[in-house]
All heavy atoms as atom14 arrays in JSON, in Angstrom:
{
  "sequence": "GVSGGRPLAGGDATMPVDTAGDGEPALSAD",
  "atom14_mask": [
    [1, 1, 1, 1, 0, 0, 0, 0, 0, 0, 0, 0, 0, 0],
    [1, 1, 1, 1, 1, 1, 1, 0, 0, 0, 0, 0, 0, 0],
    [1, 1, 1, 1, 1, 1, 0, 0, 0, 0, 0, 0, 0, 0],
    [1, 1, 1, 1, 0, 0, 0, 0, 0, 0, 0, 0, 0, 0],
    [1, 1, 1, 1, 0, 0, 0, 0, 0, 0, 0, 0, 0, 0],
    [1, 1, 1, 1, 1, 1, 1, 1, 1, 1, 1, 0, 0, 0],
    [1, 1, 1, 1, 1, 1, 1, 0, 0, 0, 0, 0, 0, 0],
    [1, 1, 1, 1, 1, 1, 1, 1, 0, 0, 0, 0, 0, 0],
    [1, 1, 1, 1, 1, 0, 0, 0, 0, 0, 0, 0, 0, 0],
    [1, 1, 1, 1, 0, 0, 0, 0, 0, 0, 0, 0, 0, 0],
    [1, 1, 1, 1, 0, 0, 0, 0, 0, 0, 0, 0, 0, 0],
    [1, 1, 1, 1, 1, 1, 1, 1, 0, 0, 0, 0, 0, 0],
    [1, 1, 1, 1, 1, 0, 0, 0, 0, 0, 0, 0, 0, 0],
    [1, 1, 1, 1, 1, 1, 1, 0, 0, 0, 0, 0, 0, 0],
    [1, 1, 1, 1, 1, 1, 1, 1, 0, 0, 0, 0, 0, 0],
    [1, 1, 1, 1, 1, 1, 1, 0, 0, 0, 0, 0, 0, 0],
    [1, 1, 1, 1, 1, 1, 1, 0, 0, 0, 0, 0, 0, 0],
    [1, 1, 1, 1, 1, 1, 1, 1, 0, 0, 0, 0, 0, 0],
    [1, 1, 1, 1, 1, 1, 1, 0, 0, 0, 0, 0, 0, 0],
    [1, 1, 1, 1, 1, 0, 0, 0, 0, 0, 0, 0, 0, 0],
    [1, 1, 1, 1, 0, 0, 0, 0, 0, 0, 0, 0, 0, 0],
    [1, 1, 1, 1, 1, 1, 1, 1, 0, 0, 0, 0, 0, 0],
    [1, 1, 1, 1, 0, 0, 0, 0, 0, 0, 0, 0, 0, 0],
    [1, 1, 1, 1, 1, 1, 1, 1, 1, 0, 0, 0, 0, 0],
    [1, 1, 1, 1, 1, 1, 1, 0, 0, 0, 0, 0, 0, 0],
    [1, 1, 1, 1, 1, 0, 0, 0, 0, 0, 0, 0, 0, 0],
    [1, 1, 1, 1, 1, 1, 1, 1, 0, 0, 0, 0, 0, 0],
    [1, 1, 1, 1, 1, 1, 0, 0, 0, 0, 0, 0, 0, 0],
    [1, 1, 1, 1, 1, 0, 0, 0, 0, 0, 0, 0, 0, 0],
    [1, 1, 1, 1, 1, 1, 1, 1, 0, 0, 0, 0, 0, 0]
  ],
  "atom14_positions": [
    [[-60.92, 52.11, 10.88], [-59.74, 51.8, 11.6], [-58.5, 52.48, 10.98], [-58.64, 53.15, 9.94], [0.0, 0.0, 0.0], [0.0, 0.0, 0.0], [0.0, 0.0, 0.0], [0.0, 0.0, 0.0], [0.0, 0.0, 0.0], [0.0, 0.0, 0.0], [0.0, 0.0, 0.0], [0.0, 0.0, 0.0], [0.0, 0.0, 0.0], [0.0, 0.0, 0.0]],
    [[-57.18, 52.26, 11.56], [-56.16, 52.86, 10.96], [-54.95, 51.92, 10.98], [-54.86, 51.24, 12.0], [-55.75, 54.2, 11.75], [-55.54, 53.92, 13.14], [-54.49, 54.86, 11.16], [0.0, 0.0, 0.0], [0.0, 0.0, 0.0], [0.0, 0.0, 0.0], [0.0, 0.0, 0.0], [0.0, 0.0, 0.0], [0.0, 0.0, 0.0], [0.0, 0.0, 0.0]],
    [[-54.14, 51.92, 10.03], [-52.9, 50.89, 10.15], [-51.66, 51.95, 9.97], [-51.74, 52.97, 9.3], [-52.93, 50.07, 8.81], [-52.89, 50.82, 7.6], [0.0, 0.0, 0.0], [0.0, 0.0, 0.0], [0.0, 0.0, 0.0], [0.0, 0.0, 0.0], [0.0, 0.0, 0.0], [0.0, 0.0, 0.0], [0.0, 0.0, 0.0], [0.0, 0.0, 0.0]],
    [[-50.72, 51.58, 10.84], [-49.53, 52.48, 10.92], [-49.78, 53.34, 12.19], [-50.71, 53.19, 12.85], [0.0, 0.0, 0.0], [0.0, 0.0, 0.0], [0.0, 0.0, 0.0], [0.0, 0.0, 0.0], [0.0, 0.0, 0.0], [0.0, 0.0, 0.0], [0.0, 0.0, 0.0], [0.0, 0.0, 0.0], [0.0, 0.0, 0.0], [0.0, 0.0, 0.0]],
    [[-48.8, 54.14, 12.46], [-48.85, 54.98, 13.59], [-47.8, 56.13, 13.51], [-47.29, 56.54, 14.49], [0.0, 0.0, 0.0], [0.0, 0.0, 0.0], [0.0, 0.0, 0.0], [0.0, 0.0, 0.0], [0.0, 0.0, 0.0], [0.0, 0.0, 0.0], [0.0, 0.0, 0.0], [0.0, 0.0, 0.0], [0.0, 0.0, 0.0], [0.0, 0.0, 0.0]],
    [[-47.46, 56.68, 12.28], [-46.45, 57.6, 12.16], [-47.08, 59.05, 12.48], [-48.34, 59.19, 12.57], [-45.96, 57.58, 10.75], [-45.44, 56.25, 10.43], [-45.01, 56.09, 8.97], [-44.08, 57.02, 8.67], [-43.61, 57.35, 7.43], [-44.04, 56.53, 6.47], [-42.78, 58.25, 7.24], [0.0, 0.0, 0.0], [0.0, 0.0, 0.0], [0.0, 0.0, 0.0]],
    [[-46.25, 60.05, 12.7], [-46.73, 61.36, 13.04], [-47.65, 61.86, 11.95], [-47.25, 61.8, 10.78], [-45.47, 62.28, 13.22], [-44.37, 61.13, 13.53], [-44.8, 59.82, 12.74], [0.0, 0.0, 0.0], [0.0, 0.0, 0.0], [0.0, 0.0, 0.0], [0.0, 0.0, 0.0], [0.0, 0.0, 0.0], [0.0, 0.0, 0.0], [0.0, 0.0, 0.0]],
    [[-48.61, 62.75, 12.38], [-49.42, 63.39, 11.44], [-48.78, 64.64, 10.9], [-48.73, 65.04, 9.76], [-50.83, 63.79, 12.06], [-51.79, 62.55, 12.21], [-53.09, 63.12, 12.89], [-52.24, 62.01, 10.9], [0.0, 0.0, 0.0], [0.0, 0.0, 0.0], [0.0, 0.0, 0.0], [0.0, 0.0, 0.0], [0.0, 0.0, 0.0], [0.0, 0.0, 0.0]],
    [[-48.23, 65.43, 11.8], [-47.54, 66.65, 11.46], [-46.47, 66.92, 12.48], [-46.7, 66.83, 13.59], [-48.58, 67.79, 11.46], [0.0, 0.0, 0.0], [0.0, 0.0, 0.0], [0.0, 0.0, 0.0], [0.0, 0.0, 0.0], [0.0, 0.0, 0.0], [0.0, 0.0, 0.0], [0.0, 0.0, 0.0], [0.0, 0.0, 0.0], [0.0, 0.0, 0.0]],
    [[-45.29, 67.21, 11.93], [-44.04, 67.48, 12.75], [-44.22, 67.51, 14.26], [-44.8, 68.4, 14.87], [0.0, 0.0, 0.0], [0.0, 0.0, 0.0], [0.0, 0.0, 0.0], [0.0, 0.0, 0.0], [0.0, 0.0, 0.0], [0.0, 0.0, 0.0], [0.0, 0.0, 0.0], [0.0, 0.0, 0.0], [0.0, 0.0, 0.0], [0.0, 0.0, 0.0]],
    [[-43.66, 66.55, 15.0], [-43.86, 66.52, 16.35], [-44.25, 65.15, 16.71], [-44.11, 64.13, 16.15], [0.0, 0.0, 0.0], [0.0, 0.0, 0.0], [0.0, 0.0, 0.0], [0.0, 0.0, 0.0], [0.0, 0.0, 0.0], [0.0, 0.0, 0.0], [0.0, 0.0, 0.0], [0.0, 0.0, 0.0], [0.0, 0.0, 0.0], [0.0, 0.0, 0.0]],
    [[-44.99, 65.07, 17.87], [-45.44, 63.76, 18.48], [-46.97, 63.58, 18.23], [-47.51, 62.68, 19.07], [-45.13, 63.69, 19.96], [-45.62, 64.88, 20.69], [-46.24, 65.65, 20.07], [-45.5, 64.95, 21.87], [0.0, 0.0, 0.0], [0.0, 0.0, 0.0], [0.0, 0.0, 0.0], [0.0, 0.0, 0.0], [0.0, 0.0, 0.0], [0.0, 0.0, 0.0]],
    [[-47.56, 64.22, 17.35], [-48.94, 63.99, 17.11], [-49.1, 62.81, 16.26], [-48.94, 62.81, 15.0], [-49.6, 65.29, 16.43], [0.0, 0.0, 0.0], [0.0, 0.0, 0.0], [0.0, 0.0, 0.0], [0.0, 0.0, 0.0], [0.0, 0.0, 0.0], [0.0, 0.0, 0.0], [0.0, 0.0, 0.0], [0.0, 0.0, 0.0], [0.0, 0.0, 0.0]],
    [[-49.57, 61.69, 16.8], [-49.73, 60.47, 16.0], [-51.23, 60.01, 16.17], [-52.0, 60.47, 17.1], [-48.87, 59.37, 16.61], [-49.13, 59.16, 17.88], [-47.35, 59.74, 16.35], [0.0, 0.0, 0.0], [0.0, 0.0, 0.0], [0.0, 0.0, 0.0], [0.0, 0.0, 0.0], [0.0, 0.0, 0.0], [0.0, 0.0, 0.0], [0.0, 0.0, 0.0]],
    [[-51.64, 59.18, 15.31], [-53.04, 58.67, 15.3], [-53.21, 57.83, 16.59], [-52.3, 56.84, 16.65], [-53.35, 57.88, 14.06], [-53.44, 58.78, 12.67], [-54.02, 58.03, 11.38], [-53.82, 59.04, 10.1], [0.0, 0.0, 0.0], [0.0, 0.0, 0.0], [0.0, 0.0, 0.0], [0.0, 0.0, 0.0], [0.0, 0.0, 0.0], [0.0, 0.0, 0.0]],
    [[-54.14, 57.92, 17.45], [-54.44, 56.9, 18.46], [-54.93, 55.51, 17.81], [-55.74, 55.65, 16.95], [-55.52, 57.63, 19.19], [-56.19, 58.54, 18.31], [-55.18, 59.08, 17.35], [0.0, 0.0, 0.0], [0.0, 0.0, 0.0], [0.0, 0.0, 0.0], [0.0, 0.0, 0.0], [0.0, 0.0, 0.0], [0.0, 0.0, 0.0], [0.0, 0.0, 0.0]],
    [[-54.39, 54.52, 18.21], [-54.77, 53.13, 17.72], [-55.4, 52.5, 18.83], [-54.95, 52.34, 20.0], [-53.29, 52.55, 17.36], [-53.81, 51.08, 16.86], [-52.67, 53.28, 16.14], [0.0, 0.0, 0.0], [0.0, 0.0, 0.0], [0.0, 0.0, 0.0], [0.0, 0.0, 0.0], [0.0, 0.0, 0.0], [0.0, 0.0, 0.0], [0.0, 0.0, 0.0]],
    [[-56.55, 51.73, 18.56], [-57.22, 51.01, 19.43], [-57.3, 49.62, 19.04], [-57.75, 49.31, 17.8], [-58.68, 51.59, 19.5], [-59.57, 50.73, 20.58], [-58.97, 49.93, 21.34], [-60.73, 50.9, 20.62], [0.0, 0.0, 0.0], [0.0, 0.0, 0.0], [0.0, 0.0, 0.0], [0.0, 0.0, 0.0], [0.0, 0.0, 0.0], [0.0, 0.0, 0.0]],
    [[-56.75, 48.76, 19.74], [-56.48, 47.24, 19.34], [-57.64, 46.33, 20.0], [-57.46, 45.16, 20.09], [-55.12, 46.76, 19.59], [-54.86, 46.96, 21.05], [-54.12, 47.51, 18.84], [0.0, 0.0, 0.0], [0.0, 0.0, 0.0], [0.0, 0.0, 0.0], [0.0, 0.0, 0.0], [0.0, 0.0, 0.0], [0.0, 0.0, 0.0], [0.0, 0.0, 0.0]],
    [[-58.59, 46.99, 20.6], [-59.54, 46.12, 21.29], [-60.49, 45.58, 20.3], [-60.52, 46.02, 19.09], [-60.35, 47.13, 22.28], [0.0, 0.0, 0.0], [0.0, 0.0, 0.0], [0.0, 0.0, 0.0], [0.0, 0.0, 0.0], [0.0, 0.0, 0.0], [0.0, 0.0, 0.0], [0.0, 0.0, 0.0], [0.0, 0.0, 0.0], [0.0, 0.0, 0.0]],
    [[-61.28, 44.68, 20.66], [-62.36, 44.1, 19.82], [-61.75, 42.98, 19.01], [-61.22, 42.04, 19.44], [0.0, 0.0, 0.0], [0.0, 0.0, 0.0], [0.0, 0.0, 0.0], [0.0, 0.0, 0.0], [0.0, 0.0, 0.0], [0.0, 0.0, 0.0], [0.0, 0.0, 0.0], [0.0, 0.0, 0.0], [0.0, 0.0, 0.0], [0.0, 0.0, 0.0]],
    [[-61.91, 43.12, 17.63], [-61.46, 42.19, 16.8], [-60.01, 42.36, 16.36], [-59.51, 41.59, 15.53], [-62.33, 42.22, 15.46], [-62.28, 43.56, 14.9], [-61.62, 44.37, 15.4], [-62.78, 43.8, 13.79], [0.0, 0.0, 0.0], [0.0, 0.0, 0.0], [0.0, 0.0, 0.0], [0.0, 0.0, 0.0], [0.0, 0.0, 0.0], [0.0, 0.0, 0.0]],
    [[-59.26, 43.12, 17.05], [-57.85, 43.17, 16.88], [-57.5, 44.28, 15.75], [-56.28, 44.51, 15.56], [0.0, 0.0, 0.0], [0.0, 0.0, 0.0], [0.0, 0.0, 0.0], [0.0, 0.0, 0.0], [0.0, 0.0, 0.0], [0.0, 0.0, 0.0], [0.0, 0.0, 0.0], [0.0, 0.0, 0.0], [0.0, 0.0, 0.0], [0.0, 0.0, 0.0]],
    [[-58.42, 44.82, 15.12], [-58.15, 45.88, 14.0], [-58.35, 47.28, 14.79], [-59.12, 47.48, 15.53], [-59.08, 45.73, 12.88], [-58.83, 44.53, 12.09], [-59.49, 44.6, 10.7], [-60.05, 45.75, 10.4], [-59.55, 43.71, 10.04], [0.0, 0.0, 0.0], [0.0, 0.0, 0.0], [0.0, 0.0, 0.0], [0.0, 0.0, 0.0], [0.0, 0.0, 0.0]],
    [[-57.34, 48.11, 14.41], [-57.4, 49.51, 15.05], [-58.61, 50.17, 14.59], [-58.97, 50.1, 13.46], [-56.04, 50.25, 14.54], [-55.73, 49.44, 13.23], [-56.2, 48.07, 13.46], [0.0, 0.0, 0.0], [0.0, 0.0, 0.0], [0.0, 0.0, 0.0], [0.0, 0.0, 0.0], [0.0, 0.0, 0.0], [0.0, 0.0, 0.0], [0.0, 0.0, 0.0]],
    [[-59.17, 51.01, 15.47], [-60.35, 51.69, 15.28], [-60.27, 53.09, 15.72], [-59.55, 53.5, 16.64], [-61.52, 51.13, 15.91], [0.0, 0.0, 0.0], [0.0, 0.0, 0.0], [0.0, 0.0, 0.0], [0.0, 0.0, 0.0], [0.0, 0.0, 0.0], [0.0, 0.0, 0.0], [0.0, 0.0, 0.0], [0.0, 0.0, 0.0], [0.0, 0.0, 0.0]],
    [[-60.8, 54.2, 14.98], [-60.84, 55.57, 15.3], [-62.2, 56.01, 15.62], [-63.23, 55.76, 15.0], [-60.2, 56.34, 14.1], [-58.79, 56.22, 13.91], [-58.41, 57.04, 12.71], [-57.82, 56.57, 15.07], [0.0, 0.0, 0.0], [0.0, 0.0, 0.0], [0.0, 0.0, 0.0], [0.0, 0.0, 0.0], [0.0, 0.0, 0.0], [0.0, 0.0, 0.0]],
    [[-62.31, 56.86, 16.7], [-63.66, 57.41, 17.16], [-63.87, 58.67, 16.22], [-63.0, 59.1, 15.5], [-63.59, 57.83, 18.58], [-62.56, 58.77, 18.84], [0.0, 0.0, 0.0], [0.0, 0.0, 0.0], [0.0, 0.0, 0.0], [0.0, 0.0, 0.0], [0.0, 0.0, 0.0], [0.0, 0.0, 0.0], [0.0, 0.0, 0.0], [0.0, 0.0, 0.0]],
    [[-65.12, 59.18, 16.32], [-65.5, 60.44, 15.59], [-64.51, 61.61, 16.07], [-64.24, 62.41, 15.11], [-66.95, 60.67, 15.7], [0.0, 0.0, 0.0], [0.0, 0.0, 0.0], [0.0, 0.0, 0.0], [0.0, 0.0, 0.0], [0.0, 0.0, 0.0], [0.0, 0.0, 0.0], [0.0, 0.0, 0.0], [0.0, 0.0, 0.0], [0.0, 0.0, 0.0]],
    [[-64.38, 61.68, 17.29], [-63.42, 62.75, 17.74], [-62.14, 62.81, 17.25], [-61.53, 63.87, 16.78], [-63.48, 62.94, 19.23], [-64.78, 63.19, 19.93], [-65.62, 63.68, 19.21], [-65.04, 62.75, 21.03], [0.0, 0.0, 0.0], [0.0, 0.0, 0.0], [0.0, 0.0, 0.0], [0.0, 0.0, 0.0], [0.0, 0.0, 0.0], [0.0, 0.0, 0.0]]
  ]
}
């Protein structure tokens, strides 16, 4: 999972957040 949602590198590239399931954000392998 990931907490927060700030840009990774100058611009609008942010970590995708998935709030499904138990409510905690999760990231896929891709």
